């Protein structure tokens, strides 16, 4: 199943129902921050459960704060940089078309 992006008679371009045109600066930054926020909490949750299993099965005593420092924070930063690049480029493309 293929999805294509089309610009037909002035309609906004969409990909899987997600509009690719018309993002403002504030909307782009908000979407980038939301992406980083979601990534931080999702990876931190998975890391906490992973450490829980590691501590229970192997009788280790690794501090759960490591999941924030070593997994969640770096993943959130990477997601923020990538999302700012993606949504920033969409914003710039929309500004160039006007």
PDB file of N, CA and C in Angstrom:
ATOM      1  N   UNK A   1       0.850  -1.170   0.000  1.00  0.00           N
ATOM      2  CA  UNK A   1       0.000   0.000   0.000  1.00  0.00           C
ATOM      3  C   UNK A   1       0.893   1.230   0.000  1.00  0.00           C
ATOM      4  N   UNK A   2       0.754   2.049  -0.982  1.00  0.00           N
ATOM      5  CA  UNK A   2       1.601   3.235  -1.074  1.00  0.00           C
ATOM      6  C   UNK A   2       0.776   4.478  -0.806  1.00  0.00           C
ATOM      7  N   UNK A   3       1.401   5.408  -0.126  1.00  0.00           N
ATOM      8  CA  UNK A   3       0.788   6.703   0.137  1.00  0.00           C
ATOM      9  C   UNK A   3       1.640   7.754  -0.551  1.00  0.00           C
ATOM     10  N   UNK A   4       1.005   8.628  -1.265  1.00  0.00           N
ATOM     11  CA  UNK A   4       1.739   9.664  -1.972  1.00  0.00           C
ATOM     12  C   UNK A   4       1.321  11.028  -1.469  1.00  0.00           C
ATOM     13  N   UNK A   5       2.216  11.969  -1.650  1.00  0.00           N
ATOM     14  CA  UNK A   5       1.943  13.348  -1.285  1.00  0.00           C
ATOM     15  C   UNK A   5       1.595  14.090  -2.574  1.00  0.00           C
ATOM     16  N   UNK A   6       0.418  14.711  -2.602  1.00  0.00           N
ATOM     17  CA  UNK A   6      -0.023  15.396  -3.802  1.00  0.00           C
ATOM     18  C   UNK A   6      -0.465  16.807  -3.463  1.00  0.00           C
ATOM     19  N   UNK A   7      -0.255  17.705  -4.395  1.00  0.00           N
ATOM     20  CA  UNK A   7      -0.758  19.066  -4.270  1.00  0.00           C
ATOM     21  C   UNK A   7      -1.740  19.278  -5.413  1.00  0.00           C
ATOM     22  N   UNK A   8      -3.021  19.120  -5.137  1.00  0.00           N
ATOM     23  CA  UNK A   8      -4.043  19.184  -6.171  1.00  0.00           C
ATOM     24  C   UNK A   8      -4.889  20.427  -5.953  1.00  0.00           C
ATOM     25  N   UNK A   9      -4.831  21.368  -6.887  1.00  0.00           N
ATOM     26  CA  UNK A   9      -5.678  22.556  -6.902  1.00  0.00           C
ATOM     27  C   UNK A   9      -5.618  23.350  -5.598  1.00  0.00           C
ATOM     28  N   UNK A  10      -4.437  23.562  -5.075  1.00  0.00           N
ATOM     29  CA  UNK A  10      -4.281  24.407  -3.903  1.00  0.00           C
ATOM     30  C   UNK A  10      -4.603  23.740  -2.581  1.00  0.00           C
ATOM     31  N   UNK A  11      -4.915  22.458  -2.577  1.00  0.00           N
ATOM     32  CA  UNK A  11      -5.168  21.771  -1.319  1.00  0.00           C
ATOM     33  C   UNK A  11      -3.847  21.597  -0.569  1.00  0.00           C
ATOM     34  N   UNK A  12      -3.933  21.518   0.745  1.00  0.00           N
ATOM     35  CA  UNK A  12      -2.720  21.298   1.512  1.00  0.00           C
ATOM     36  C   UNK A  12      -2.256  19.866   1.325  1.00  0.00           C
ATOM     37  N   UNK A  13      -0.955  19.685   1.281  1.00  0.00           N
ATOM     38  CA  UNK A  13      -0.385  18.358   1.105  1.00  0.00           C
ATOM     39  C   UNK A  13      -0.450  17.609   2.420  1.00  0.00           C
ATOM     40  N   UNK A  14      -0.804  16.315   2.342  1.00  0.00           N
ATOM     41  CA  UNK A  14      -0.924  15.496   3.537  1.00  0.00           C
ATOM     42  C   UNK A  14      -0.231  14.172   3.310  1.00  0.00           C
ATOM     43  N   UNK A  15       0.288  13.618   4.381  1.00  0.00           N
ATOM     44  CA  UNK A  15       0.882  12.285   4.376  1.00  0.00           C
ATOM     45  C   UNK A  15       0.279  11.521   5.542  1.00  0.00           C
ATOM     46  N   UNK A  16      -0.500  10.483   5.238  1.00  0.00           N
ATOM     47  CA  UNK A  16      -1.222   9.712   6.251  1.00  0.00           C
ATOM     48  C   UNK A  16      -2.135  10.601   7.080  1.00  0.00           C
ATOM     49  N   UNK A  17      -2.723  11.605   6.459  1.00  0.00           N
ATOM     50  CA  UNK A  17      -3.627  12.510   7.153  1.00  0.00           C
ATOM     51  C   UNK A  17      -2.940  13.615   7.921  1.00  0.00           C
ATOM     52  N   UNK A  18      -1.624  13.681   7.892  1.00  0.00           N
ATOM     53  CA  UNK A  18      -0.834  14.658   8.627  1.00  0.00           C
ATOM     54  C   UNK A  18      -0.454  15.782   7.668  1.00  0.00           C
ATOM     55  N   UNK A  19      -0.885  17.018   7.926  1.00  0.00           N
ATOM     56  CA  UNK A  19      -0.599  18.095   6.973  1.00  0.00           C
ATOM     57  C   UNK A  19       0.887  18.436   6.930  1.00  0.00           C
ATOM     58  N   UNK A  20       1.412  18.573   5.725  1.00  0.00           N
ATOM     59  CA  UNK A  20       2.819  18.905   5.566  1.00  0.00           C
ATOM     60  C   UNK A  20       3.040  20.394   5.315  1.00  0.00           C
ATOM     61  N   UNK A  21       1.998  21.133   5.041  1.00  0.00           N
ATOM     62  CA  UNK A  21       2.119  22.567   4.797  1.00  0.00           C
ATOM     63  C   UNK A  21       1.411  23.322   5.916  1.00  0.00           C
ATOM     64  N   UNK A  22       1.819  24.551   6.105  1.00  0.00           N
ATOM     65  CA  UNK A  22       1.093  25.426   6.995  1.00  0.00           C
ATOM     66  C   UNK A  22       1.525  25.408   8.437  1.00  0.00           C
ATOM     67  N   UNK A  23       2.652  24.785   8.777  1.00  0.00           N
ATOM     68  CA  UNK A  23       3.128  24.844  10.144  1.00  0.00           C
ATOM     69  C   UNK A  23       3.733  26.212  10.403  1.00  0.00           C
ATOM     70  N   UNK A  24       3.350  26.810  11.502  1.00  0.00           N
ATOM     71  CA  UNK A  24       3.978  28.044  11.927  1.00  0.00           C
ATOM     72  C   UNK A  24       5.203  27.726  12.768  1.00  0.00           C
ATOM     73  N   UNK A  25       5.938  28.752  13.139  1.00  0.00           N
ATOM     74  CA  UNK A  25       7.133  28.552  13.951  1.00  0.00           C
ATOM     75  C   UNK A  25       6.776  27.971  15.309  1.00  0.00           C
ATOM     76  N   UNK A  26       5.744  28.521  15.951  1.00  0.00           N
ATOM     77  CA  UNK A  26       5.351  28.041  17.276  1.00  0.00           C
ATOM     78  C   UNK A  26       4.867  26.594  17.214  1.00  0.00           C
ATOM     79  N   UNK A  27       4.096  26.256  16.189  1.00  0.00           N
ATOM     80  CA  UNK A  27       3.591  24.895  16.039  1.00  0.00           C
ATOM     81  C   UNK A  27       4.738  23.919  15.817  1.00  0.00           C
ATOM     82  N   UNK A  28       5.713  24.302  15.011  1.00  0.00           N
ATOM     83  CA  UNK A  28       6.864  23.437  14.756  1.00  0.00           C
ATOM     84  C   UNK A  28       7.658  23.193  16.030  1.00  0.00           C
ATOM     85  N   UNK A  29       7.892  24.239  16.801  1.00  0.00           N
ATOM     86  CA  UNK A  29       8.634  24.077  18.050  1.00  0.00           C
ATOM     87  C   UNK A  29       7.849  23.258  19.063  1.00  0.00           C
ATOM     88  N   UNK A  30       6.551  23.463  19.114  1.00  0.00           N
ATOM     89  CA  UNK A  30       5.713  22.706  20.045  1.00  0.00           C
ATOM     90  C   UNK A  30       5.696  21.220  19.689  1.00  0.00           C
ATOM     91  N   UNK A  31       5.600  20.909  18.406  1.00  0.00           N
ATOM     92  CA  UNK A  31       5.634  19.508  17.977  1.00  0.00           C
ATOM     93  C   UNK A  31       6.994  18.865  18.260  1.00  0.00           C
ATOM     94  N   UNK A  32       8.068  19.625  18.086  1.00  0.00           N
ATOM     95  CA  UNK A  32       9.402  19.104  18.379  1.00  0.00           C
ATOM     96  C   UNK A  32       9.559  18.825  19.872  1.00  0.00           C
ATOM     97  N   UNK A  33       9.084  19.731  20.719  1.00  0.00           N
ATOM     98  CA  UNK A  33       9.169  19.516  22.160  1.00  0.00           C
ATOM     99  C   UNK A  33       8.289  18.348  22.601  1.00  0.00           C
ATOM    100  N   UNK A  34       7.125  18.206  22.002  1.00  0.00           N
ATOM    101  CA  UNK A  34       6.244  17.085  22.343  1.00  0.00           C
ATOM    102  C   UNK A  34       6.881  15.758  21.944  1.00  0.00           C
ATOM    103  N   UNK A  35       7.556  15.731  20.812  1.00  0.00           N
ATOM    104  CA  UNK A  35       8.247  14.518  20.374  1.00  0.00           C
ATOM    105  C   UNK A  35       9.357  14.144  21.346  1.00  0.00           C
ATOM    106  N   UNK A  36      10.152  15.130  21.760  1.00  0.00           N
ATOM    107  CA  UNK A  36      11.234  14.872  22.708  1.00  0.00           C
ATOM    108  C   UNK A  36      10.683  14.437  24.063  1.00  0.00           C
ATOM    109  N   UNK A  37       9.604  15.058  24.507  1.00  0.00           N
ATOM    110  CA  UNK A  37       8.970  14.727  25.782  1.00  0.00           C
ATOM    111  C   UNK A  37       8.484  13.281  25.775  1.00  0.00           C
ATOM    112  N   UNK A  38       7.789  12.893  24.710  1.00  0.00           N
ATOM    113  CA  UNK A  38       7.280  11.532  24.596  1.00  0.00           C
ATOM    114  C   UNK A  38       8.424  10.522  24.529  1.00  0.00           C
ATOM    115  N   UNK A  39       9.450  10.832  23.775  1.00  0.00           N
ATOM    116  CA  UNK A  39      10.590   9.932  23.659  1.00  0.00           C
ATOM    117  C   UNK A  39      11.293   9.764  24.999  1.00  0.00           C
ATOM    118  N   UNK A  40      11.483  10.857  25.726  1.00  0.00           N
ATOM    119  CA  UNK A  40      12.128  10.792  27.039  1.00  0.00           C
ATOM    120  C   UNK A  40      11.372   9.858  27.970  1.00  0.00           C
ATOM    121  N   UNK A  41      10.073  10.041  28.073  1.00  0.00           N
ATOM    122  CA  UNK A  41       9.309   9.237  29.015  1.00  0.00           C
ATOM    123  C   UNK A  41       9.150   7.791  28.563  1.00  0.00           C
ATOM    124  N   UNK A  42       9.021   7.544  27.278  1.00  0.00           N
ATOM    125  CA  UNK A  42       8.898   6.173  26.786  1.00  0.00           C
ATOM    126  C   UNK A  42      10.195   5.389  27.010  1.00  0.00           C
ATOM    127  N   UNK A  43      11.333   5.989  26.670  1.00  0.00           N
ATOM    128  CA  UNK A  43      12.599   5.275  26.854  1.00  0.00           C
ATOM    129  C   UNK A  43      12.947   5.131  28.331  1.00  0.00           C
ATOM    130  N   UNK A  44      12.606   6.121  29.141  1.00  0.00           N
ATOM    131  CA  UNK A  44      12.866   6.012  30.577  1.00  0.00           C
ATOM    132  C   UNK A  44      12.027   4.896  31.192  1.00  0.00           C
ATOM    133  N   UNK A  45      10.783   4.780  30.778  1.00  0.00           N
ATOM    134  CA  UNK A  45       9.919   3.714  31.285  1.00  0.00           C
ATOM    135  C   UNK A  45      10.480   2.342  30.924  1.00  0.00           C
ATOM    136  N   UNK A  46      10.885   2.184  29.668  1.00  0.00           N
ATOM    137  CA  UNK A  46      11.465   0.905  29.251  1.00  0.00           C
ATOM    138  C   UNK A  46      12.765   0.619  29.995  1.00  0.00           C
ATOM    139  N   UNK A  47      13.577   1.648  30.235  1.00  0.00           N
ATOM    140  CA  UNK A  47      14.833   1.458  30.953  1.00  0.00           C
ATOM    141  C   UNK A  47      14.587   1.090  32.416  1.00  0.00           C
ATOM    142  N   UNK A  48      13.585   1.671  33.042  1.00  0.00           N
ATOM    143  CA  UNK A  48      13.268   1.334  34.431  1.00  0.00           C
ATOM    144  C   UNK A  48      12.832  -0.126  34.539  1.00  0.00           C
ATOM    145  N   UNK A  49      11.963  -0.562  33.630  1.00  0.00           N
ATOM    146  CA  UNK A  49      11.551  -1.965  33.670  1.00  0.00           C
ATOM    147  C   UNK A  49      12.716  -2.897  33.344  1.00  0.00           C
ATOM    148  N   UNK A  50      13.594  -2.478  32.445  1.00  0.00           N
ATOM    149  CA  UNK A  50      14.783  -3.276  32.156  1.00  0.00           C
ATOM    150  C   UNK A  50      15.694  -3.391  33.364  1.00  0.00           C
ATOM    151  N   UNK A  51      15.908  -2.283  34.068  1.00  0.00           N
ATOM    152  CA  UNK A  51      16.733  -2.329  35.277  1.00  0.00           C
ATOM    153  C   UNK A  51      16.063  -3.123  36.389  1.00  0.00           C
ATOM    154  N   UNK A  52      14.750  -3.049  36.461  1.00  0.00           N
ATOM    155  CA  UNK A  52      14.026  -3.842  37.451  1.00  0.00           C
ATOM    156  C   UNK A  52      14.267  -5.328  37.225  1.00  0.00           C
ATOM    157  N   UNK A  53      14.140  -5.751  35.979  1.00  0.00           N
ATOM    158  CA  UNK A  53      14.418  -7.154  35.662  1.00  0.00           C
ATOM    159  C   UNK A  53      15.868  -7.519  35.903  1.00  0.00           C
ATOM    160  N   UNK A  54      16.775  -6.651  35.513  1.00  0.00           N
ATOM    161  CA  UNK A  54      18.204  -6.904  35.704  1.00  0.00           C
ATOM    162  C   UNK A  54      18.539  -7.023  37.191  1.00  0.00           C
ATOM    163  N   UNK A  55      17.969  -6.152  38.010  1.00  0.00           N
ATOM    164  CA  UNK A  55      18.232  -6.189  39.449  1.00  0.00           C
ATOM    165  C   UNK A  55      17.609  -7.421  40.107  1.00  0.00           C
ATOM    166  N   UNK A  56      16.420  -7.826  39.667  1.00  0.00           N
ATOM    167  CA  UNK A  56      15.760  -8.982  40.275  1.00  0.00           C
ATOM    168  C   UNK A  56      16.389 -10.304  39.841  1.00  0.00           C
ATOM    169  N   UNK A  57      16.683 -10.432  38.554  1.00  0.00           N
ATOM    170  CA  UNK A  57      17.210 -11.702  38.049  1.00  0.00           C
ATOM    171  C   UNK A  57      18.668 -11.893  38.460  1.00  0.00           C
ATOM    172  N   UNK A  58      19.460 -10.844  38.327  1.00  0.00           N
ATOM    173  CA  UNK A  58      20.887 -10.984  38.602  1.00  0.00           C
ATOM    174  C   UNK A  58      21.303 -10.596  40.003  1.00  0.00           C
ATOM    175  N   UNK A  59      20.355 -10.212  40.837  1.00  0.00           N
ATOM    176  CA  UNK A  59      20.626  -9.773  42.210  1.00  0.00           C
ATOM    177  C   UNK A  59      21.650  -8.643  42.243  1.00  0.00           C
ATOM    178  N   UNK A  60      21.483  -7.702  41.280  1.00  0.00           N
ATOM    179  CA  UNK A  60      22.329  -6.520  41.231  1.00  0.00           C
ATOM    180  C   UNK A  60      21.652  -5.416  42.022  1.00  0.00           C
ATOM    181  N   UNK A  61      22.356  -4.322  42.211  1.00  0.00           N
ATOM    182  CA  UNK A  61      21.755  -3.174  42.909  1.00  0.00           C
ATOM    183  C   UNK A  61      22.077  -1.883  42.159  1.00  0.00           C
ATOM    184  N   UNK A  62      21.698  -1.845  40.891  1.00  0.00           N
ATOM    185  CA  UNK A  62      21.927  -0.649  40.091  1.00  0.00           C
ATOM    186  C   UNK A  62      20.845   0.366  40.427  1.00  0.00           C
ATOM    187  N   UNK A  63      21.244   1.599  40.622  1.00  0.00           N
ATOM    188  CA  UNK A  63      20.322   2.675  40.969  1.00  0.00           C
ATOM    189  C   UNK A  63      19.420   2.990  39.768  1.00  0.00           C
ATOM    190  N   UNK A  64      18.131   3.196  40.031  1.00  0.00           N
ATOM    191  CA  UNK A  64      17.186   3.477  38.958  1.00  0.00           C
ATOM    192  C   UNK A  64      17.381   4.870  38.352  1.00  0.00           C
ATOM    193  N   UNK A  65      18.112   5.736  39.017  1.00  0.00           N
ATOM    194  CA  UNK A  65      18.399   7.052  38.449  1.00  0.00           C
ATOM    195  C   UNK A  65      19.252   6.947  37.185  1.00  0.00           C
ATOM    196  N   UNK A  66      19.931   5.837  37.025  1.00  0.00           N
ATOM    197  CA  UNK A  66      20.723   5.622  35.810  1.00  0.00           C
ATOM    198  C   UNK A  66      19.835   5.569  34.577  1.00  0.00           C
ATOM    199  N   UNK A  67      18.593   5.136  34.740  1.00  0.00           N
ATOM    200  CA  UNK A  67      17.695   5.081  33.583  1.00  0.00           C
ATOM    201  C   UNK A  67      17.393   6.477  33.048  1.00  0.00           C
ATOM    202  N   UNK A  68      17.335   7.464  33.931  1.00  0.00           N
ATOM    203  CA  UNK A  68      17.116   8.844  33.488  1.00  0.00           C
ATOM    204  C   UNK A  68      18.371   9.412  32.831  1.00  0.00           C
ATOM    205  N   UNK A  69      19.501   9.248  33.524  1.00  0.00           N
ATOM    206  CA  UNK A  69      20.754   9.850  33.058  1.00  0.00           C
ATOM    207  C   UNK A  69      21.320   9.202  31.806  1.00  0.00           C
ATOM    208  N   UNK A  70      21.276   7.871  31.754  1.00  0.00           N
ATOM    209  CA  UNK A  70      21.973   7.158  30.692  1.00  0.00           C
ATOM    210  C   UNK A  70      21.087   6.758  29.512  1.00  0.00           C
ATOM    211  N   UNK A  71      19.766   6.752  29.703  1.00  0.00           N
ATOM    212  CA  UNK A  71      18.879   6.330  28.621  1.00  0.00           C
ATOM    213  C   UNK A  71      17.911   7.442  28.239  1.00  0.00           C
ATOM    214  N   UNK A  72      17.097   7.897  29.174  1.00  0.00           N
ATOM    215  CA  UNK A  72      16.035   8.849  28.871  1.00  0.00           C
ATOM    216  C   UNK A  72      16.522  10.196  28.385  1.00  0.00           C
ATOM    217  N   UNK A  73      17.476  10.783  29.098  1.00  0.00           N
ATOM    218  CA  UNK A  73      17.973  12.113  28.725  1.00  0.00           C
ATOM    219  C   UNK A  73      18.662  12.121  27.364  1.00  0.00           C
ATOM    220  N   UNK A  74      19.606  11.201  27.094  1.00  0.00           N
ATOM    221  CA  UNK A  74      20.207  11.207  25.746  1.00  0.00           C
ATOM    222  C   UNK A  74      19.205  10.931  24.635  1.00  0.00           C
ATOM    223  N   UNK A  75      18.264  10.015  24.867  1.00  0.00           N
ATOM    224  CA  UNK A  75      17.255   9.725  23.834  1.00  0.00           C
ATOM    225  C   UNK A  75      16.365  10.937  23.594  1.00  0.00           C
ATOM    226  N   UNK A  76      16.003  11.656  24.664  1.00  0.00           N
ATOM    227  CA  UNK A  76      15.197  12.864  24.516  1.00  0.00           C
ATOM    228  C   UNK A  76      15.928  13.950  23.746  1.00  0.00           C
ATOM    229  N   UNK A  77      17.231  14.108  24.012  1.00  0.00           N
ATOM    230  CA  UNK A  77      18.014  15.110  23.283  1.00  0.00           C
ATOM    231  C   UNK A  77      18.146  14.767  21.807  1.00  0.00           C
ATOM    232  N   UNK A  78      18.384  13.500  21.510  1.00  0.00           N
ATOM    233  CA  UNK A  78      18.498  13.079  20.107  1.00  0.00           C
ATOM    234  C   UNK A  78      17.162  13.303  19.393  1.00  0.00           C
ATOM    235  N   UNK A  79      16.066  12.932  20.050  1.00  0.00           N
ATOM    236  CA  UNK A  79      14.754  13.139  19.445  1.00  0.00           C
ATOM    237  C   UNK A  79      14.464  14.618  19.242  1.00  0.00           C
ATOM    238  N   UNK A  80      14.893  15.463  20.186  1.00  0.00           N
ATOM    239  CA  UNK A  80      14.674  16.901  20.046  1.00  0.00           C
ATOM    240  C   UNK A  80      15.444  17.458  18.850  1.00  0.00           C
ATOM    241  N   UNK A  81      16.680  17.060  18.696  1.00  0.00           N
ATOM    242  CA  UNK A  81      17.493  17.554  17.579  1.00  0.00           C
ATOM    243  C   UNK A  81      16.907  17.102  16.241  1.00  0.00           C
ATOM    244  N   UNK A  82      16.512  15.834  16.159  1.00  0.00           N
ATOM    245  CA  UNK A  82      15.939  15.317  14.914  1.00  0.00           C
ATOM    246  C   UNK A  82      14.593  15.995  14.623  1.00  0.00           C
ATOM    247  N   UNK A  83      13.761  16.136  15.648  1.00  0.00           N
ATOM    248  CA  UNK A  83      12.435  16.742  15.448  1.00  0.00           C
ATOM    249  C   UNK A  83      12.541  18.218  15.078  1.00  0.00           C
ATOM    250  N   UNK A  84      13.478  18.949  15.675  1.00  0.00           N
ATOM    251  CA  UNK A  84      13.666  20.351  15.301  1.00  0.00           C
ATOM    252  C   UNK A  84      14.111  20.435  13.844  1.00  0.00           C
ATOM    253  N   UNK A  85      14.969  19.517  13.424  1.00  0.00           N
ATOM    254  CA  UNK A  85      15.380  19.492  12.019  1.00  0.00           C
ATOM    255  C   UNK A  85      14.231  19.201  11.072  1.00  0.00           C
ATOM    256  N   UNK A  86      13.423  18.211  11.407  1.00  0.00           N
ATOM    257  CA  UNK A  86      12.302  17.834  10.540  1.00  0.00           C
ATOM    258  C   UNK A  86      11.243  18.926  10.501  1.00  0.00           C
ATOM    259  N   UNK A  87      10.767  19.346  11.676  1.00  0.00           N
ATOM    260  CA  UNK A  87       9.702  20.345  11.703  1.00  0.00           C
ATOM    261  C   UNK A  87      10.205  21.723  11.288  1.00  0.00           C
ATOM    262  N   UNK A  88      11.481  22.003  11.543  1.00  0.00           N
ATOM    263  CA  UNK A  88      12.057  23.262  11.074  1.00  0.00           C
ATOM    264  C   UNK A  88      12.137  23.316   9.558  1.00  0.00           C
ATOM    265  N   UNK A  89      12.503  22.187   8.944  1.00  0.00           N
ATOM    266  CA  UNK A  89      12.558  22.158   7.477  1.00  0.00           C
ATOM    267  C   UNK A  89      11.157  22.280   6.873  1.00  0.00           C
ATOM    268  N   UNK A  90      10.158  21.675   7.520  1.00  0.00           N
ATOM    269  CA  UNK A  90       8.783  21.845   7.035  1.00  0.00           C
ATOM    270  C   UNK A  90       8.336  23.295   7.144  1.00  0.00           C
ATOM    271  N   UNK A  91       8.723  23.961   8.221  1.00  0.00           N
ATOM    272  CA  UNK A  91       8.369  25.367   8.404  1.00  0.00           C
ATOM    273  C   UNK A  91       9.057  26.237   7.357  1.00  0.00           C
ATOM    274  N   UNK A  92      10.335  25.963   7.100  1.00  0.00           N
ATOM    275  CA  UNK A  92      11.075  26.748   6.096  1.00  0.00           C
ATOM    276  C   UNK A  92      10.486  26.528   4.703  1.00  0.00           C
ATOM    277  N   UNK A  93      10.134  25.278   4.374  1.00  0.00           N
ATOM    278  CA  UNK A  93       9.525  25.003   3.070  1.00  0.00           C
ATOM    279  C   UNK A  93       8.196  25.725   2.924  1.00  0.00           C
ATOM    280  N   UNK A  94       7.409  25.773   3.996  1.00  0.00           N
ATOM    281  CA  UNK A  94       6.129  26.473   3.937  1.00  0.00           C
ATOM    282  C   UNK A  94       6.335  27.975   3.765  1.00  0.00           C
ATOM    283  N   UNK A  95       7.377  28.527   4.398  1.00  0.00           N
ATOM    284  CA  UNK A  95       7.679  29.961   4.262  1.00  0.00           C
ATOM    285  C   UNK A  95       8.170  30.291   2.851  1.00  0.00           C
ATOM    286  N   UNK A  96       8.906  29.376   2.242  1.00  0.00           N
ATOM    287  CA  UNK A  96       9.437  29.621   0.888  1.00  0.00           C
ATOM    288  C   UNK A  96       8.333  29.577  -0.154  1.00  0.00           C
ATOM    289  N   UNK A  97       7.281  28.804   0.074  1.00  0.00           N
ATOM    290  CA  UNK A  97       6.187  28.676  -0.891  1.00  0.00           C
ATOM    291  C   UNK A  97       5.279  29.877  -0.889  1.00  0.00           C
ATOM    292  N   UNK A  98       5.240  30.620   0.201  1.00  0.00           N
ATOM    293  CA  UNK A  98       4.331  31.779   0.285  1.00  0.00           C
ATOM    294  C   UNK A  98       4.830  32.961  -0.465  1.00  0.00           C
TER     295      UNK A  98
END
